[in-house]
N, C-alpha and C. Protein backbone atom coordinates (compact mmCIF):
# COMPACT_ATOMS: atom_id res chain seq x y z
N MET A 1 0.86 -1.22 -0.02
CA MET A 1 0.00 0.03 0.01
C MET A 1 0.87 1.22 0.04
N ARG A 2 0.54 2.17 -0.88
CA ARG A 2 1.32 3.44 -0.91
C ARG A 2 0.49 4.53 -0.13
N TYR A 3 1.12 5.21 0.77
CA TYR A 3 0.42 6.22 1.56
C TYR A 3 0.66 7.59 0.88
N LYS A 4 -0.49 8.23 0.53
CA LYS A 4 -0.42 9.56 -0.12
C LYS A 4 -0.10 10.58 0.95
N ASP A 5 0.74 11.56 0.62
CA ASP A 5 1.05 12.72 1.41
C ASP A 5 1.72 12.29 2.73
N VAL A 6 2.49 11.22 2.69
CA VAL A 6 3.32 10.86 3.86
C VAL A 6 4.77 11.02 3.46
N TYR A 7 5.53 11.69 4.22
CA TYR A 7 6.96 12.08 3.94
C TYR A 7 7.85 11.45 5.07
N TYR A 8 8.75 10.57 4.58
CA TYR A 8 9.55 9.77 5.55
C TYR A 8 10.98 10.31 5.56
N ILE A 9 11.51 10.43 6.82
CA ILE A 9 12.94 10.73 6.99
C ILE A 9 13.54 9.64 7.73
N ILE A 10 14.55 9.02 7.23
CA ILE A 10 15.35 7.91 7.79
C ILE A 10 16.80 8.37 7.94
N GLY A 11 17.55 7.60 8.65
CA GLY A 11 18.95 7.96 8.72
C GLY A 11 19.59 7.55 10.06
N THR A 12 20.62 8.27 10.45
CA THR A 12 21.36 8.01 11.66
C THR A 12 20.96 9.03 12.72
N ALA A 13 21.39 8.73 13.96
CA ALA A 13 21.19 9.61 15.09
C ALA A 13 21.93 10.98 14.92
N TYR A 14 21.41 11.96 15.49
CA TYR A 14 22.05 13.32 15.45
C TYR A 14 22.19 13.87 14.10
N ALA A 15 21.33 13.43 13.14
CA ALA A 15 21.32 13.99 11.80
C ALA A 15 20.31 15.09 11.66
N GLY A 16 19.39 15.20 12.68
CA GLY A 16 18.35 16.29 12.57
C GLY A 16 16.98 15.77 12.08
N LYS A 17 16.74 14.47 12.13
CA LYS A 17 15.51 13.90 11.63
C LYS A 17 14.23 14.45 12.30
N SER A 18 14.19 14.33 13.71
CA SER A 18 13.05 14.74 14.41
C SER A 18 12.87 16.28 14.34
N THR A 19 13.95 17.03 14.33
CA THR A 19 13.82 18.50 14.18
C THR A 19 13.12 18.83 12.84
N MET A 20 13.55 18.20 11.77
CA MET A 20 12.95 18.48 10.46
C MET A 20 11.50 18.01 10.38
N VAL A 21 11.17 16.90 10.91
CA VAL A 21 9.77 16.46 10.94
C VAL A 21 8.95 17.44 11.71
N LYS A 22 9.39 17.93 12.81
CA LYS A 22 8.59 18.90 13.59
C LYS A 22 8.42 20.22 12.87
N MET A 23 9.50 20.71 12.24
CA MET A 23 9.43 21.96 11.55
C MET A 23 8.56 21.85 10.29
N LEU A 24 8.68 20.74 9.53
CA LEU A 24 7.82 20.61 8.33
C LEU A 24 6.35 20.53 8.74
N ALA A 25 6.03 19.86 9.79
CA ALA A 25 4.61 19.76 10.23
C ALA A 25 4.09 21.13 10.59
N GLU A 26 4.92 21.97 11.27
CA GLU A 26 4.50 23.29 11.65
C GLU A 26 4.36 24.18 10.42
N LYS A 27 5.28 24.07 9.47
CA LYS A 27 5.30 24.94 8.33
C LYS A 27 4.10 24.62 7.34
N PHE A 28 3.80 23.36 7.28
CA PHE A 28 2.76 22.99 6.27
C PHE A 28 1.47 22.49 6.88
N GLY A 29 1.28 22.76 8.20
CA GLY A 29 0.07 22.41 8.85
C GLY A 29 -0.22 20.91 8.90
N GLY A 30 0.87 20.18 9.02
CA GLY A 30 0.73 18.70 8.94
C GLY A 30 0.81 18.02 10.37
N ILE A 31 1.07 16.76 10.34
CA ILE A 31 1.19 16.01 11.57
C ILE A 31 2.61 15.44 11.64
N ALA A 32 3.26 15.65 12.78
CA ALA A 32 4.62 15.19 13.00
C ALA A 32 4.62 13.88 13.82
N CYS A 33 5.14 12.83 13.22
CA CYS A 33 5.33 11.57 13.89
C CYS A 33 6.79 11.54 14.23
N GLU A 34 7.12 12.02 15.39
CA GLU A 34 8.48 12.20 15.82
C GLU A 34 9.13 10.91 16.37
N GLU A 35 10.35 10.89 16.73
CA GLU A 35 11.13 9.73 17.15
C GLU A 35 10.35 8.93 18.14
N ASN A 36 10.26 7.63 17.96
CA ASN A 36 9.60 6.65 18.83
C ASN A 36 8.09 6.93 18.98
N TYR A 37 7.46 7.44 17.92
CA TYR A 37 6.03 7.67 18.04
C TYR A 37 5.22 6.41 18.18
N HIS A 38 5.83 5.25 17.95
CA HIS A 38 5.18 3.98 18.12
C HIS A 38 4.97 3.68 19.63
N ASP A 39 5.62 4.42 20.54
CA ASP A 39 5.51 4.18 21.97
C ASP A 39 4.07 4.25 22.43
N ILE A 40 3.21 4.98 21.72
CA ILE A 40 1.78 5.06 22.18
C ILE A 40 1.12 3.71 22.13
N LEU A 41 1.67 2.71 21.49
CA LEU A 41 1.08 1.37 21.51
C LEU A 41 1.82 0.39 22.37
N LEU A 42 2.84 0.83 23.07
CA LEU A 42 3.69 -0.04 23.82
C LEU A 42 2.95 -0.89 24.96
N ASP A 43 2.14 -0.16 25.71
CA ASP A 43 1.49 -0.82 26.89
C ASP A 43 0.60 -1.97 26.47
N GLY A 44 0.04 -1.93 25.24
CA GLY A 44 -0.90 -2.90 24.83
C GLY A 44 -0.31 -4.10 24.09
N LEU A 45 1.03 -4.13 23.90
CA LEU A 45 1.66 -5.10 23.12
C LEU A 45 1.76 -6.45 23.79
N ASP A 46 1.61 -7.54 23.02
CA ASP A 46 1.75 -8.89 23.54
C ASP A 46 3.28 -9.20 23.42
N SER A 47 3.85 -9.58 24.57
CA SER A 47 5.26 -9.90 24.64
C SER A 47 5.69 -11.06 23.74
N ARG A 48 4.73 -11.92 23.39
CA ARG A 48 5.02 -13.07 22.52
C ARG A 48 5.17 -12.61 21.12
N GLU A 49 4.40 -11.60 20.70
CA GLU A 49 4.45 -11.06 19.39
C GLU A 49 5.58 -9.98 19.18
N PHE A 50 5.83 -9.28 20.24
CA PHE A 50 6.81 -8.19 20.23
C PHE A 50 7.76 -8.34 21.33
N PRO A 51 8.57 -9.35 21.35
CA PRO A 51 9.49 -9.64 22.52
C PRO A 51 10.57 -8.57 22.71
N ASN A 52 11.01 -7.99 21.64
CA ASN A 52 12.01 -6.96 21.78
C ASN A 52 11.49 -5.63 22.25
N LEU A 53 10.38 -5.16 21.80
CA LEU A 53 9.79 -3.95 22.29
C LEU A 53 9.30 -4.02 23.64
N THR A 54 8.89 -5.19 24.12
CA THR A 54 8.46 -5.32 25.48
C THR A 54 9.53 -5.76 26.43
N TYR A 55 10.78 -5.88 25.91
CA TYR A 55 11.90 -6.26 26.81
C TYR A 55 12.05 -5.29 28.00
N THR A 56 12.08 -4.01 27.62
CA THR A 56 12.26 -3.03 28.75
C THR A 56 11.03 -2.83 29.52
N ARG A 57 9.85 -2.99 28.91
CA ARG A 57 8.61 -2.78 29.65
C ARG A 57 8.50 -3.79 30.77
N ASP A 58 8.94 -5.01 30.47
CA ASP A 58 8.80 -6.15 31.47
C ASP A 58 10.07 -6.37 32.28
N LEU A 59 11.10 -5.52 32.08
CA LEU A 59 12.39 -5.72 32.77
C LEU A 59 12.32 -5.57 34.26
N LYS A 60 12.85 -6.55 34.95
CA LYS A 60 12.79 -6.53 36.40
C LYS A 60 14.05 -5.92 36.99
N ASP A 61 15.18 -6.16 36.42
CA ASP A 61 16.49 -5.56 36.86
C ASP A 61 17.15 -4.81 35.71
N TRP A 62 17.13 -3.49 35.84
CA TRP A 62 17.68 -2.69 34.69
C TRP A 62 19.10 -2.79 34.56
N SER A 63 19.85 -3.40 35.53
CA SER A 63 21.27 -3.63 35.33
C SER A 63 21.46 -4.61 34.18
N ASP A 64 20.55 -5.54 33.96
CA ASP A 64 20.63 -6.47 32.86
C ASP A 64 20.69 -5.71 31.47
N PHE A 65 20.06 -4.54 31.39
CA PHE A 65 20.03 -3.81 30.14
C PHE A 65 21.41 -3.34 29.73
N VAL A 66 22.19 -2.91 30.63
CA VAL A 66 23.47 -2.37 30.27
C VAL A 66 24.60 -3.35 30.36
N ARG A 67 24.31 -4.50 30.91
CA ARG A 67 25.35 -5.55 31.07
C ARG A 67 25.36 -6.52 29.90
N ARG A 68 24.51 -6.32 28.90
CA ARG A 68 24.55 -7.17 27.69
C ARG A 68 25.83 -6.93 26.93
N THR A 69 26.23 -7.99 26.16
CA THR A 69 27.48 -7.71 25.29
C THR A 69 27.08 -6.75 24.20
N PRO A 70 28.06 -6.10 23.59
CA PRO A 70 27.78 -5.23 22.48
C PRO A 70 27.02 -5.88 21.38
N GLU A 71 27.37 -7.14 21.08
CA GLU A 71 26.64 -7.83 20.01
C GLU A 71 25.16 -8.13 20.44
N GLU A 72 24.92 -8.45 21.63
CA GLU A 72 23.55 -8.62 22.09
C GLU A 72 22.74 -7.33 22.05
N TYR A 73 23.38 -6.25 22.41
CA TYR A 73 22.68 -4.95 22.40
C TYR A 73 22.39 -4.53 21.00
N ALA A 74 23.35 -4.68 20.07
CA ALA A 74 23.18 -4.26 18.65
C ALA A 74 22.08 -5.15 18.08
N ARG A 75 22.11 -6.45 18.32
CA ARG A 75 21.07 -7.35 17.71
C ARG A 75 19.65 -6.94 18.21
N TRP A 76 19.56 -6.61 19.50
CA TRP A 76 18.29 -6.19 20.07
C TRP A 76 17.80 -4.91 19.42
N ILE A 77 18.65 -3.96 19.21
CA ILE A 77 18.29 -2.69 18.54
C ILE A 77 17.73 -2.96 17.16
N PHE A 78 18.43 -3.79 16.39
CA PHE A 78 17.98 -4.07 14.99
C PHE A 78 16.62 -4.80 14.97
N ASP A 79 16.45 -5.74 15.96
CA ASP A 79 15.20 -6.42 16.07
C ASP A 79 14.05 -5.52 16.53
N VAL A 80 14.36 -4.59 17.40
CA VAL A 80 13.42 -3.59 17.85
C VAL A 80 12.93 -2.80 16.64
N ALA A 81 13.87 -2.37 15.76
CA ALA A 81 13.53 -1.64 14.56
C ALA A 81 12.49 -2.43 13.67
N LYS A 82 12.69 -3.69 13.56
CA LYS A 82 11.76 -4.55 12.79
C LYS A 82 10.38 -4.55 13.37
N GLU A 83 10.28 -4.64 14.71
CA GLU A 83 8.97 -4.64 15.32
C GLU A 83 8.36 -3.21 15.28
N CYS A 84 9.21 -2.16 15.38
CA CYS A 84 8.65 -0.82 15.31
C CYS A 84 8.02 -0.58 13.90
N GLU A 85 8.65 -1.19 12.89
CA GLU A 85 8.10 -1.00 11.50
C GLU A 85 6.62 -1.49 11.48
N VAL A 86 6.37 -2.58 12.11
CA VAL A 86 5.00 -3.15 12.13
C VAL A 86 4.03 -2.16 12.76
N LEU A 87 4.45 -1.59 13.87
CA LEU A 87 3.56 -0.69 14.57
C LEU A 87 3.43 0.64 13.85
N GLU A 88 4.53 1.18 13.26
CA GLU A 88 4.42 2.39 12.53
C GLU A 88 3.48 2.34 11.33
N LEU A 89 3.51 1.19 10.63
CA LEU A 89 2.62 1.01 9.53
C LEU A 89 1.18 0.97 9.97
N ARG A 90 0.94 0.37 11.09
CA ARG A 90 -0.44 0.39 11.69
C ARG A 90 -0.88 1.84 11.98
N ILE A 91 0.02 2.56 12.62
CA ILE A 91 -0.32 3.96 13.00
C ILE A 91 -0.58 4.76 11.70
N LEU A 92 0.27 4.70 10.71
CA LEU A 92 0.11 5.43 9.55
C LEU A 92 -1.15 5.06 8.76
N ASP A 93 -1.46 3.79 8.71
CA ASP A 93 -2.73 3.34 8.14
C ASP A 93 -3.92 3.98 8.80
N ASP A 94 -3.82 4.04 10.15
CA ASP A 94 -4.93 4.64 10.92
C ASP A 94 -4.99 6.12 10.66
N LEU A 95 -3.87 6.85 10.62
CA LEU A 95 -3.90 8.29 10.42
C LEU A 95 -4.43 8.60 9.02
N ARG A 96 -4.09 7.79 8.05
CA ARG A 96 -4.45 8.10 6.68
C ARG A 96 -6.04 8.05 6.53
N GLN A 97 -6.61 7.18 7.39
CA GLN A 97 -8.05 7.05 7.32
C GLN A 97 -8.78 8.13 8.10
N LYS A 98 -8.04 8.86 8.93
CA LYS A 98 -8.64 9.89 9.79
C LYS A 98 -8.35 11.29 9.34
N THR A 99 -7.32 11.51 8.54
CA THR A 99 -6.99 12.89 8.20
C THR A 99 -6.45 12.99 6.76
N ASP A 100 -6.65 14.14 6.21
CA ASP A 100 -6.08 14.39 4.87
C ASP A 100 -4.83 15.35 4.89
N LYS A 101 -4.40 15.57 6.17
CA LYS A 101 -3.21 16.44 6.32
C LYS A 101 -1.92 15.71 5.89
N LYS A 102 -0.87 16.46 5.62
CA LYS A 102 0.38 15.86 5.27
C LYS A 102 0.98 15.26 6.59
N ILE A 103 1.64 14.14 6.46
CA ILE A 103 2.20 13.50 7.60
C ILE A 103 3.74 13.40 7.42
N PHE A 104 4.49 13.82 8.42
CA PHE A 104 5.92 13.80 8.32
C PHE A 104 6.51 12.88 9.37
N VAL A 105 7.30 11.86 8.98
CA VAL A 105 7.64 10.72 9.86
C VAL A 105 9.19 10.62 10.07
N ASP A 106 9.57 10.62 11.29
CA ASP A 106 10.93 10.17 11.62
C ASP A 106 10.79 8.66 11.90
N THR A 107 11.35 7.82 11.04
CA THR A 107 10.90 6.46 10.96
C THR A 107 11.96 5.42 11.15
N ASN A 108 11.51 4.22 11.58
CA ASN A 108 12.27 3.01 11.62
C ASN A 108 12.01 2.11 10.47
N ILE A 109 11.07 2.55 9.58
CA ILE A 109 10.73 1.66 8.42
C ILE A 109 11.93 1.45 7.57
N SER A 110 12.12 0.20 7.12
CA SER A 110 13.38 -0.14 6.40
C SER A 110 13.33 0.48 5.01
N VAL A 111 14.52 0.58 4.41
CA VAL A 111 14.69 1.04 3.06
C VAL A 111 13.82 0.14 2.14
N GLU A 112 13.90 -1.13 2.38
CA GLU A 112 13.22 -2.07 1.45
C GLU A 112 11.68 -1.87 1.45
N THR A 113 11.09 -1.66 2.68
CA THR A 113 9.72 -1.38 2.74
C THR A 113 9.32 -0.08 2.19
N LEU A 114 10.20 0.95 2.45
CA LEU A 114 9.91 2.30 1.93
C LEU A 114 9.81 2.29 0.41
N ARG A 115 10.59 1.48 -0.26
CA ARG A 115 10.52 1.37 -1.67
C ARG A 115 9.16 0.88 -2.13
N GLU A 116 8.55 0.04 -1.27
CA GLU A 116 7.20 -0.48 -1.69
C GLU A 116 6.08 0.38 -1.34
N ILE A 117 6.20 1.18 -0.34
CA ILE A 117 5.02 1.99 0.16
C ILE A 117 5.02 3.40 -0.22
N SER A 118 6.22 3.90 -0.73
CA SER A 118 6.33 5.37 -0.94
C SER A 118 6.92 5.63 -2.32
N ASP A 119 6.51 6.76 -2.88
CA ASP A 119 7.24 7.25 -4.03
C ASP A 119 8.56 7.78 -3.62
N GLY A 120 9.59 7.65 -4.42
CA GLY A 120 10.93 7.91 -4.11
C GLY A 120 11.11 9.42 -3.58
N GLU A 121 10.28 10.33 -4.15
CA GLU A 121 10.42 11.71 -3.74
C GLU A 121 9.83 12.05 -2.37
N HIS A 122 9.25 11.03 -1.72
CA HIS A 122 8.68 11.20 -0.36
C HIS A 122 9.64 10.60 0.72
N VAL A 123 10.81 10.30 0.37
CA VAL A 123 11.76 9.67 1.29
C VAL A 123 13.09 10.42 1.26
N LEU A 124 13.59 10.73 2.47
CA LEU A 124 14.88 11.43 2.58
C LEU A 124 15.73 10.76 3.60
N VAL A 125 17.02 10.64 3.29
CA VAL A 125 17.98 10.04 4.23
C VAL A 125 18.75 11.19 4.83
N MET A 126 18.85 11.24 6.14
CA MET A 126 19.63 12.31 6.86
C MET A 126 20.68 11.55 7.64
N LEU A 127 21.99 11.97 7.47
CA LEU A 127 23.12 11.25 8.03
C LEU A 127 24.01 12.14 8.84
N ALA A 128 24.51 11.58 9.85
CA ALA A 128 25.55 12.25 10.70
C ALA A 128 26.72 11.31 10.80
N ASP A 129 27.95 11.78 10.90
CA ASP A 129 29.12 10.94 11.00
C ASP A 129 28.84 9.88 12.13
N PRO A 130 29.21 8.63 11.86
CA PRO A 130 28.94 7.57 12.92
C PRO A 130 29.57 7.91 14.26
N SER A 131 30.68 8.62 14.26
CA SER A 131 31.30 8.91 15.53
C SER A 131 30.48 9.83 16.40
N ILE A 132 29.67 10.72 15.73
CA ILE A 132 28.84 11.64 16.51
C ILE A 132 27.78 10.84 17.29
N SER A 133 27.18 9.86 16.68
CA SER A 133 26.14 9.10 17.30
C SER A 133 26.67 8.32 18.58
N VAL A 134 27.95 8.02 18.53
CA VAL A 134 28.55 7.29 19.63
C VAL A 134 29.02 8.29 20.70
N ASN A 135 29.84 9.24 20.34
CA ASN A 135 30.45 10.17 21.24
C ASN A 135 29.50 11.15 21.91
N ARG A 136 28.32 11.41 21.23
CA ARG A 136 27.48 12.46 21.81
C ARG A 136 26.11 11.83 22.26
N PHE A 137 26.14 10.53 22.44
CA PHE A 137 24.89 9.80 22.75
C PHE A 137 24.21 10.35 23.99
N PHE A 138 25.04 10.66 25.10
CA PHE A 138 24.39 11.07 26.29
C PHE A 138 24.31 12.58 26.46
N GLU A 139 24.59 13.34 25.40
CA GLU A 139 24.48 14.80 25.54
C GLU A 139 23.04 15.33 25.47
N ARG A 140 22.16 14.49 24.91
CA ARG A 140 20.76 14.90 24.84
C ARG A 140 20.14 14.75 26.23
N PRO A 141 19.28 15.77 26.57
CA PRO A 141 18.63 15.68 27.97
C PRO A 141 17.46 14.80 28.08
N ASP A 142 17.11 14.03 26.96
CA ASP A 142 15.92 13.26 27.04
C ASP A 142 16.00 12.19 28.19
N ARG A 143 14.88 11.92 28.74
CA ARG A 143 14.77 11.06 29.94
C ARG A 143 15.42 9.68 29.79
N GLU A 144 15.11 9.03 28.67
CA GLU A 144 15.67 7.67 28.41
C GLU A 144 17.15 7.56 28.45
N LYS A 145 17.82 8.52 27.68
CA LYS A 145 19.23 8.50 27.58
C LYS A 145 19.87 8.74 28.97
N GLN A 146 19.34 9.74 29.70
CA GLN A 146 19.87 10.07 30.96
C GLN A 146 19.65 8.95 32.04
N PHE A 147 18.59 8.27 31.85
CA PHE A 147 18.28 7.12 32.69
C PHE A 147 19.39 6.04 32.48
N ILE A 148 19.70 5.72 31.26
CA ILE A 148 20.78 4.72 30.92
C ILE A 148 22.07 5.26 31.42
N TYR A 149 22.33 6.52 31.29
CA TYR A 149 23.61 7.10 31.71
C TYR A 149 23.82 6.90 33.23
N GLN A 150 22.76 7.11 34.02
CA GLN A 150 22.81 6.90 35.40
C GLN A 150 23.02 5.39 35.77
N LEU A 151 22.38 4.54 35.02
CA LEU A 151 22.62 3.12 35.26
C LEU A 151 24.04 2.73 35.07
N LEU A 152 24.70 3.26 34.02
CA LEU A 152 26.09 2.98 33.80
C LEU A 152 26.97 3.50 34.96
N LEU A 153 26.65 4.75 35.39
CA LEU A 153 27.43 5.32 36.48
C LEU A 153 27.32 4.53 37.79
N ASN A 154 26.20 3.83 37.91
CA ASN A 154 25.97 3.06 39.18
C ASN A 154 26.51 1.63 39.10
N GLU A 155 27.08 1.26 37.95
CA GLU A 155 27.70 -0.02 37.81
C GLU A 155 28.91 -0.16 38.73
N PRO A 156 29.27 -1.36 39.19
CA PRO A 156 30.54 -1.55 39.98
C PRO A 156 31.76 -0.92 39.38
N ASP A 157 31.87 -1.01 38.06
CA ASP A 157 33.03 -0.45 37.34
C ASP A 157 32.44 0.42 36.20
N PRO A 158 32.10 1.72 36.51
CA PRO A 158 31.47 2.57 35.53
C PRO A 158 32.18 2.72 34.21
N ASP A 159 33.52 2.78 34.26
CA ASP A 159 34.30 3.02 33.13
C ASP A 159 34.22 1.79 32.20
N LYS A 160 34.24 0.65 32.75
CA LYS A 160 34.13 -0.57 31.97
C LYS A 160 32.69 -0.76 31.38
N ALA A 161 31.77 -0.38 32.16
CA ALA A 161 30.36 -0.43 31.72
C ALA A 161 30.10 0.55 30.55
N MET A 162 30.70 1.77 30.68
CA MET A 162 30.50 2.73 29.65
C MET A 162 31.19 2.29 28.34
N ALA A 163 32.41 1.75 28.49
CA ALA A 163 33.15 1.26 27.29
C ALA A 163 32.36 0.14 26.59
N ASN A 164 31.77 -0.71 27.40
CA ASN A 164 30.98 -1.80 26.80
C ASN A 164 29.76 -1.27 26.10
N TYR A 165 29.04 -0.34 26.68
CA TYR A 165 27.89 0.21 26.08
C TYR A 165 28.22 0.96 24.75
N ARG A 166 29.30 1.73 24.77
CA ARG A 166 29.73 2.47 23.63
C ARG A 166 30.11 1.54 22.49
N GLU A 167 30.64 0.44 22.81
CA GLU A 167 31.03 -0.56 21.74
C GLU A 167 29.77 -1.02 21.06
N GLY A 168 28.70 -1.18 21.83
CA GLY A 168 27.43 -1.60 21.22
C GLY A 168 26.96 -0.44 20.30
N LEU A 169 27.06 0.78 20.80
CA LEU A 169 26.65 1.92 19.90
C LEU A 169 27.47 1.94 18.61
N MET A 170 28.75 1.60 18.68
CA MET A 170 29.66 1.55 17.49
C MET A 170 29.11 0.49 16.46
N LEU A 171 28.65 -0.63 17.02
CA LEU A 171 28.15 -1.62 16.07
C LEU A 171 26.84 -1.19 15.40
N ILE A 172 26.02 -0.46 16.15
CA ILE A 172 24.76 0.03 15.59
C ILE A 172 25.04 1.13 14.56
N ASN A 173 25.98 2.02 14.86
CA ASN A 173 26.27 3.15 14.02
C ASN A 173 27.55 2.90 13.25
N SER A 174 27.63 1.73 12.64
CA SER A 174 28.86 1.34 11.91
C SER A 174 29.02 2.08 10.56
N PRO A 175 30.26 2.15 10.08
CA PRO A 175 30.44 2.71 8.75
C PRO A 175 29.66 1.98 7.61
N GLU A 176 29.53 0.62 7.82
CA GLU A 176 28.78 -0.18 6.88
C GLU A 176 27.32 0.25 6.78
N ARG A 177 26.70 0.47 7.94
CA ARG A 177 25.26 0.90 8.00
C ARG A 177 25.16 2.29 7.34
N TYR A 178 26.11 3.19 7.70
CA TYR A 178 26.11 4.53 7.07
C TYR A 178 26.18 4.43 5.54
N GLN A 179 27.03 3.64 5.04
CA GLN A 179 27.22 3.49 3.57
C GLN A 179 25.99 2.87 2.95
N ALA A 180 25.33 1.96 3.62
CA ALA A 180 24.11 1.34 3.10
C ALA A 180 23.00 2.37 2.92
N LEU A 181 22.87 3.25 3.93
CA LEU A 181 21.91 4.33 3.85
C LEU A 181 22.29 5.34 2.80
N GLU A 182 23.52 5.65 2.78
CA GLU A 182 24.03 6.67 1.80
C GLU A 182 23.76 6.21 0.36
N ASN A 183 23.85 4.86 0.13
CA ASN A 183 23.67 4.30 -1.18
C ASN A 183 22.34 3.73 -1.40
N SER A 184 21.35 4.15 -0.63
CA SER A 184 19.99 3.49 -0.67
C SER A 184 19.22 3.90 -1.98
N GLY A 185 19.70 4.92 -2.62
CA GLY A 185 18.98 5.44 -3.80
C GLY A 185 18.09 6.57 -3.50
N PHE A 186 17.86 6.87 -2.26
CA PHE A 186 16.98 7.98 -1.90
C PHE A 186 17.89 9.27 -1.68
N PRO A 187 17.29 10.46 -1.84
CA PRO A 187 18.07 11.70 -1.61
C PRO A 187 18.71 11.67 -0.20
N VAL A 188 19.89 12.27 -0.09
CA VAL A 188 20.65 12.30 1.18
C VAL A 188 21.09 13.69 1.54
N ILE A 189 20.97 14.02 2.80
CA ILE A 189 21.48 15.21 3.37
C ILE A 189 22.36 14.85 4.54
N CYS A 190 23.62 15.29 4.47
CA CYS A 190 24.59 15.02 5.52
C CYS A 190 24.67 16.17 6.49
N ARG A 191 24.84 15.90 7.75
CA ARG A 191 24.98 16.89 8.84
C ARG A 191 26.14 17.84 8.45
N ASP A 192 25.87 19.12 8.60
CA ASP A 192 26.87 20.12 8.33
C ASP A 192 26.74 21.25 9.40
N GLU A 193 27.76 21.32 10.28
CA GLU A 193 27.68 22.28 11.35
C GLU A 193 27.63 23.76 10.93
N ASN A 194 28.05 23.97 9.64
CA ASN A 194 28.05 25.34 9.08
C ASN A 194 26.76 25.74 8.48
N ARG A 195 25.80 24.85 8.43
CA ARG A 195 24.53 25.09 7.81
C ARG A 195 23.50 25.28 8.93
N THR A 196 22.65 26.32 8.75
CA THR A 196 21.63 26.55 9.78
C THR A 196 20.48 25.65 9.63
N VAL A 197 19.73 25.49 10.71
CA VAL A 197 18.48 24.66 10.64
C VAL A 197 17.55 25.14 9.47
N GLU A 198 17.48 26.42 9.39
CA GLU A 198 16.56 27.02 8.35
C GLU A 198 17.02 26.70 6.98
N GLN A 199 18.37 26.64 6.78
CA GLN A 199 18.88 26.26 5.45
C GLN A 199 18.64 24.76 5.19
N THR A 200 18.80 23.98 6.19
CA THR A 200 18.49 22.54 6.10
C THR A 200 17.01 22.30 5.73
N LEU A 201 16.12 23.03 6.38
CA LEU A 201 14.68 22.90 6.18
C LEU A 201 14.33 23.27 4.66
N GLU A 202 15.08 24.31 4.18
CA GLU A 202 14.82 24.66 2.81
C GLU A 202 15.29 23.51 1.84
N MET A 203 16.38 22.87 2.18
CA MET A 203 16.90 21.78 1.35
C MET A 203 15.82 20.65 1.37
N VAL A 204 15.33 20.38 2.57
CA VAL A 204 14.34 19.28 2.68
C VAL A 204 13.06 19.64 1.89
N ARG A 205 12.66 20.84 2.03
CA ARG A 205 11.42 21.31 1.33
C ARG A 205 11.57 21.08 -0.14
N LYS A 206 12.72 21.35 -0.71
CA LYS A 206 12.92 21.23 -2.16
C LYS A 206 12.93 19.77 -2.54
N ILE A 207 13.57 18.97 -1.75
CA ILE A 207 13.63 17.51 -2.03
C ILE A 207 12.20 16.91 -2.03
N PHE A 208 11.37 17.36 -1.10
CA PHE A 208 10.02 16.89 -1.04
C PHE A 208 9.04 17.59 -1.90
N ALA A 209 9.55 18.59 -2.65
CA ALA A 209 8.74 19.44 -3.61
C ALA A 209 7.52 20.04 -2.92
N LEU A 210 7.74 20.59 -1.74
CA LEU A 210 6.65 21.14 -0.99
C LEU A 210 6.50 22.64 -1.19
């Protein structure tokens, strides 16, 4: 199914995806589906159907979250993304039936699925250098990241725990994943510290022909 007037932004962390989604929705009177918008469905999920998304919901000891190996953490993140795609498509299908407004999405939907459900001019890839996603992970003040940061600080060996967690982030934000997104065939905007947010918005607007 192709969703009319839905605009998807995919890519890496710290590339500005959620910022652009929010600004586009404000500028064009649309709906912003910002990062993790699928969370509205989390409480009602069956853990047998969505074992990865419900992992943290049902977690008894949060120390287990940060003590996983980098490989286990990365595999969980990628599996979470697959489950998120299912929920996001449900949400988008519901929104399309309820509104004729433009919808702007910071999405986990895979490149392969986006090729099936969207016209190419409705998808944008935004990228930041992989090292930024690793080194600046805890700079954002959002509650989830700061909660994880405190968990790491409370580990018996905080430095070792932090190094282990960052190694997992490196697997998730690998150069190979960056290159796969860069070569997806969709338009790409790379993070540029010398470019203003307004200039980036204008670039996005032109790509989406808005």
